[in-house]
Each structure stands twice: as C-alpha cells, then as structure tokens.
C-alpha cells in the first residue's frame, strides 16, 4: 500500500528545474539547474536545489540580476504547447 501512495504523491510533484523549463520561465533546463545551484531560485522562501520537488500552490521566486519575479504554480503537466505555457503559473509581482 505504501508503494501506491508513493506513486500518487510523485504524480503531483515535479522537479523545479524541469518545471522552469516547461513553463518557459527559463528557456533551458541546464540554465534552470545552474540558476538553482547559484541560489537564484527560491521555493516558498527557501533556496531550491535542481531536484527540489514542486507541488501545486508552491511559490517560486526567480532572481534575474537585480529584478525578482514570483509566480504561483497552478498546473504541472508533462508537456505544454508554447502558446499555453503562461497558463500553468500565475505571476504575483
């Protein structure tokens, strides 16, 4: 039974580096991985590692030079068409 629960829990989670890429907040997964390693990505106020698991409702803060952008995770699909990428998150600032 624990195995089924684990599978369901992982179904609703996604690595931060992958989410940043599919949402097109950052163009390439290697760049999002580097941004995490440099401490420029926060999830719910804490520094994120590339393998940090996201859940729906989490807040992501991205530091772009001297500007920050915070978004809320609304959806976590495996693949998103380019024209629909901005619909899987909500910009908060």
N, C-alpha and C. Protein backbone atom coordinates (compact mmCIF):
# COMPACT_ATOMS: atom_id res chain seq x y z
N UNK A 1 0.81 -1.19 0.00
CA UNK A 1 0.00 0.00 0.00
C UNK A 1 0.86 1.26 0.00
N UNK A 2 1.99 1.23 0.69
CA UNK A 2 2.87 2.38 0.69
C UNK A 2 3.38 2.71 -0.71
N UNK A 3 3.60 1.69 -1.51
CA UNK A 3 4.10 1.91 -2.86
C UNK A 3 3.08 2.67 -3.70
N UNK A 4 1.81 2.36 -3.57
CA UNK A 4 0.76 3.06 -4.30
C UNK A 4 0.71 4.51 -3.87
N UNK A 5 0.80 4.76 -2.56
CA UNK A 5 0.78 6.13 -2.04
C UNK A 5 1.95 6.93 -2.60
N UNK A 6 3.15 6.31 -2.65
CA UNK A 6 4.33 6.99 -3.18
C UNK A 6 4.13 7.36 -4.65
N UNK A 7 3.56 6.43 -5.41
CA UNK A 7 3.34 6.70 -6.83
C UNK A 7 2.37 7.86 -7.01
N UNK A 8 1.32 7.91 -6.21
CA UNK A 8 0.36 9.01 -6.31
C UNK A 8 1.01 10.33 -5.90
N UNK A 9 1.81 10.31 -4.86
CA UNK A 9 2.47 11.53 -4.40
C UNK A 9 3.40 12.07 -5.49
N UNK A 10 4.14 11.19 -6.16
CA UNK A 10 5.06 11.64 -7.19
C UNK A 10 4.32 12.13 -8.43
N UNK A 11 3.11 11.64 -8.66
CA UNK A 11 2.33 12.07 -9.81
C UNK A 11 2.05 13.57 -9.74
N UNK A 12 1.91 14.11 -8.55
CA UNK A 12 1.58 15.51 -8.38
C UNK A 12 2.80 16.37 -8.06
N UNK A 13 3.99 15.83 -8.23
CA UNK A 13 5.23 16.56 -7.97
C UNK A 13 6.05 16.64 -9.25
N UNK A 14 6.90 17.67 -9.31
CA UNK A 14 7.81 17.82 -10.44
C UNK A 14 9.06 18.54 -9.96
N UNK A 15 10.19 18.17 -10.51
CA UNK A 15 11.44 18.85 -10.17
C UNK A 15 11.37 20.31 -10.62
N UNK A 16 11.96 21.20 -9.81
CA UNK A 16 11.93 22.63 -10.12
C UNK A 16 12.62 22.94 -11.44
N UNK A 17 13.76 22.28 -11.73
CA UNK A 17 14.47 22.59 -12.97
C UNK A 17 13.63 22.22 -14.20
N UNK A 18 12.88 21.14 -14.12
CA UNK A 18 12.01 20.75 -15.24
C UNK A 18 10.83 21.71 -15.36
N UNK A 19 10.23 22.09 -14.23
CA UNK A 19 9.08 23.00 -14.27
C UNK A 19 9.46 24.34 -14.87
N UNK A 20 10.61 24.89 -14.50
CA UNK A 20 11.04 26.17 -15.05
C UNK A 20 11.21 26.09 -16.56
N UNK A 21 11.64 24.94 -17.05
CA UNK A 21 11.81 24.77 -18.50
C UNK A 21 10.46 24.64 -19.21
N UNK A 22 9.56 23.75 -18.72
CA UNK A 22 8.30 23.56 -19.44
C UNK A 22 7.39 24.79 -19.35
N UNK A 23 7.54 25.57 -18.27
CA UNK A 23 6.75 26.79 -18.14
C UNK A 23 7.34 27.94 -18.95
N UNK A 24 8.55 27.73 -19.44
CA UNK A 24 9.30 28.71 -20.21
C UNK A 24 9.64 29.97 -19.40
N UNK A 25 9.68 29.82 -18.07
CA UNK A 25 10.19 30.91 -17.24
C UNK A 25 11.69 31.03 -17.44
N UNK A 26 12.35 29.88 -17.69
CA UNK A 26 13.76 29.83 -18.08
C UNK A 26 13.81 28.91 -19.29
N UNK A 27 14.54 29.31 -20.33
CA UNK A 27 14.49 28.62 -21.63
C UNK A 27 15.02 27.19 -21.63
N UNK A 28 16.13 26.95 -20.92
CA UNK A 28 16.73 25.62 -20.97
C UNK A 28 16.85 25.02 -19.58
N UNK A 29 16.73 23.69 -19.53
CA UNK A 29 16.80 23.01 -18.23
C UNK A 29 18.20 23.14 -17.60
N UNK A 30 19.23 23.15 -18.42
CA UNK A 30 20.58 23.31 -17.86
C UNK A 30 20.76 24.69 -17.25
N UNK A 31 20.13 25.70 -17.84
CA UNK A 31 20.20 27.06 -17.29
C UNK A 31 19.42 27.12 -15.97
N UNK A 32 18.26 26.46 -15.91
CA UNK A 32 17.49 26.47 -14.67
C UNK A 32 18.23 25.70 -13.58
N UNK A 33 18.94 24.64 -13.95
CA UNK A 33 19.75 23.90 -12.98
C UNK A 33 20.86 24.80 -12.44
N UNK A 34 21.53 25.52 -13.31
CA UNK A 34 22.60 26.43 -12.89
C UNK A 34 22.07 27.54 -11.99
N UNK A 35 20.88 28.06 -12.31
CA UNK A 35 20.27 29.12 -11.50
C UNK A 35 19.97 28.61 -10.09
N UNK A 36 19.50 27.37 -9.99
CA UNK A 36 19.24 26.77 -8.68
C UNK A 36 20.54 26.62 -7.89
N UNK A 37 21.56 26.11 -8.55
CA UNK A 37 22.85 25.91 -7.89
C UNK A 37 23.48 27.22 -7.44
N UNK A 38 23.17 28.32 -8.15
CA UNK A 38 23.71 29.63 -7.79
C UNK A 38 22.88 30.33 -6.71
N UNK A 39 21.78 29.71 -6.28
CA UNK A 39 20.95 30.29 -5.23
C UNK A 39 20.00 31.37 -5.71
N UNK A 40 19.71 31.40 -7.02
CA UNK A 40 18.82 32.42 -7.58
C UNK A 40 17.36 31.99 -7.66
N UNK A 41 17.06 30.75 -7.26
CA UNK A 41 15.69 30.23 -7.28
C UNK A 41 15.27 29.90 -5.85
N UNK A 42 14.12 30.42 -5.44
CA UNK A 42 13.56 30.12 -4.12
C UNK A 42 12.21 29.45 -4.30
N UNK A 43 11.93 28.45 -3.48
CA UNK A 43 10.61 27.82 -3.46
C UNK A 43 10.06 28.00 -2.06
N UNK A 44 8.95 28.71 -1.98
CA UNK A 44 8.32 29.03 -0.69
C UNK A 44 9.31 29.69 0.27
N UNK A 45 10.17 30.57 -0.27
CA UNK A 45 11.10 31.34 0.55
C UNK A 45 12.40 30.64 0.89
N UNK A 46 12.60 29.41 0.43
CA UNK A 46 13.84 28.67 0.73
C UNK A 46 14.59 28.41 -0.57
N UNK A 47 15.93 28.47 -0.50
CA UNK A 47 16.74 28.18 -1.68
C UNK A 47 16.44 26.79 -2.20
N UNK A 48 16.30 26.70 -3.51
CA UNK A 48 15.95 25.42 -4.14
C UNK A 48 17.15 24.79 -4.80
N UNK A 49 17.26 23.48 -4.68
CA UNK A 49 18.24 22.71 -5.44
C UNK A 49 17.54 22.26 -6.71
N UNK A 50 18.28 21.88 -7.75
CA UNK A 50 17.63 21.46 -9.00
C UNK A 50 16.61 20.33 -8.83
N UNK A 51 16.80 19.47 -7.84
CA UNK A 51 15.90 18.35 -7.63
C UNK A 51 14.76 18.62 -6.66
N UNK A 52 14.63 19.87 -6.20
CA UNK A 52 13.55 20.21 -5.28
C UNK A 52 12.20 19.89 -5.93
N UNK A 53 11.35 19.17 -5.20
CA UNK A 53 10.04 18.79 -5.73
C UNK A 53 9.03 19.92 -5.51
N UNK A 54 8.33 20.26 -6.57
CA UNK A 54 7.28 21.28 -6.53
C UNK A 54 5.92 20.63 -6.39
N UNK A 55 5.01 21.35 -5.78
CA UNK A 55 3.61 20.92 -5.70
C UNK A 55 2.74 22.08 -6.19
N UNK A 56 1.54 21.80 -6.58
CA UNK A 56 0.61 22.85 -6.98
C UNK A 56 0.39 23.77 -5.79
N UNK A 57 0.47 25.07 -6.02
CA UNK A 57 0.29 26.05 -4.96
C UNK A 57 1.61 26.61 -4.43
N UNK A 58 2.74 25.98 -4.77
CA UNK A 58 4.04 26.49 -4.31
C UNK A 58 4.35 27.83 -4.97
N UNK A 59 5.13 28.64 -4.27
CA UNK A 59 5.57 29.94 -4.78
C UNK A 59 7.03 29.83 -5.21
N UNK A 60 7.32 30.26 -6.42
CA UNK A 60 8.68 30.24 -6.95
C UNK A 60 9.13 31.68 -7.13
N UNK A 61 10.29 32.02 -6.56
CA UNK A 61 10.87 33.34 -6.76
C UNK A 61 12.15 33.16 -7.57
N UNK A 62 12.24 33.91 -8.67
CA UNK A 62 13.40 33.83 -9.56
C UNK A 62 14.10 35.18 -9.52
N UNK A 63 15.40 35.17 -9.26
CA UNK A 63 16.19 36.40 -9.22
C UNK A 63 16.89 36.56 -10.57
N UNK A 64 16.46 37.57 -11.33
CA UNK A 64 17.07 37.90 -12.62
C UNK A 64 17.90 39.16 -12.41
N UNK A 65 19.19 39.03 -12.19
CA UNK A 65 20.03 40.21 -11.95
C UNK A 65 19.55 40.97 -10.73
N UNK A 66 19.09 42.22 -10.91
CA UNK A 66 18.58 42.99 -9.78
C UNK A 66 17.06 43.06 -9.78
N UNK A 67 16.40 42.12 -10.45
CA UNK A 67 14.94 42.05 -10.50
C UNK A 67 14.50 40.67 -10.03
N UNK A 68 13.39 40.61 -9.34
CA UNK A 68 12.83 39.34 -8.88
C UNK A 68 11.43 39.16 -9.45
N UNK A 69 11.09 37.92 -9.74
CA UNK A 69 9.74 37.59 -10.18
C UNK A 69 9.23 36.43 -9.35
N UNK A 70 8.03 36.56 -8.82
CA UNK A 70 7.42 35.50 -8.03
C UNK A 70 6.19 34.98 -8.77
N UNK A 71 6.10 33.66 -8.88
CA UNK A 71 4.96 33.03 -9.54
C UNK A 71 4.40 31.93 -8.65
N UNK A 72 3.13 31.64 -8.84
CA UNK A 72 2.46 30.56 -8.11
C UNK A 72 2.18 29.42 -9.09
N UNK A 73 2.50 28.21 -8.71
CA UNK A 73 2.30 27.02 -9.55
C UNK A 73 0.81 26.68 -9.57
N UNK A 74 0.22 26.65 -10.78
CA UNK A 74 -1.19 26.31 -10.93
C UNK A 74 -1.39 24.90 -11.48
N UNK A 75 -0.51 24.49 -12.39
CA UNK A 75 -0.61 23.17 -13.02
C UNK A 75 0.80 22.60 -13.20
N UNK A 76 0.87 21.27 -13.35
CA UNK A 76 2.15 20.62 -13.61
C UNK A 76 2.02 19.54 -14.69
N UNK A 77 1.69 19.92 -15.91
CA UNK A 77 1.60 18.93 -16.97
C UNK A 77 3.01 18.51 -17.43
N UNK A 78 3.12 17.34 -18.02
CA UNK A 78 4.42 16.85 -18.51
C UNK A 78 4.90 17.66 -19.72
N UNK A 79 3.97 18.02 -20.60
CA UNK A 79 4.30 18.79 -21.81
C UNK A 79 3.29 19.90 -21.98
N UNK A 80 3.76 21.05 -22.44
CA UNK A 80 2.88 22.21 -22.62
C UNK A 80 3.21 22.86 -23.96
N UNK A 81 2.21 23.12 -24.80
CA UNK A 81 2.48 23.87 -26.03
C UNK A 81 2.97 25.28 -25.68
N UNK A 82 3.80 25.84 -26.52
CA UNK A 82 4.40 27.15 -26.27
C UNK A 82 3.36 28.22 -25.97
N UNK A 83 2.25 28.22 -26.69
CA UNK A 83 1.23 29.26 -26.52
C UNK A 83 0.42 29.09 -25.22
N UNK A 84 0.53 27.95 -24.56
CA UNK A 84 -0.20 27.72 -23.32
C UNK A 84 0.70 27.71 -22.08
N UNK A 85 1.99 27.89 -22.25
CA UNK A 85 2.95 27.80 -21.16
C UNK A 85 2.64 28.81 -20.03
N UNK A 86 2.22 29.99 -20.35
CA UNK A 86 1.97 31.00 -19.32
C UNK A 86 0.70 30.73 -18.51
N UNK A 87 -0.09 29.73 -18.90
CA UNK A 87 -1.31 29.40 -18.18
C UNK A 87 -1.08 28.44 -17.01
N UNK A 88 0.13 27.89 -16.90
CA UNK A 88 0.37 26.92 -15.82
C UNK A 88 0.91 27.58 -14.55
N UNK A 89 1.08 28.89 -14.58
CA UNK A 89 1.50 29.63 -13.39
C UNK A 89 0.82 30.99 -13.36
N UNK A 90 0.82 31.61 -12.19
CA UNK A 90 0.23 32.94 -12.01
C UNK A 90 1.33 33.88 -11.53
N UNK A 91 1.54 34.99 -12.22
CA UNK A 91 2.55 35.97 -11.83
C UNK A 91 2.00 36.79 -10.67
N UNK A 92 2.77 36.83 -9.57
CA UNK A 92 2.33 37.55 -8.38
C UNK A 92 2.94 38.95 -8.26
N UNK A 93 4.12 39.16 -8.84
CA UNK A 93 4.71 40.52 -8.84
C UNK A 93 5.53 40.76 -10.06
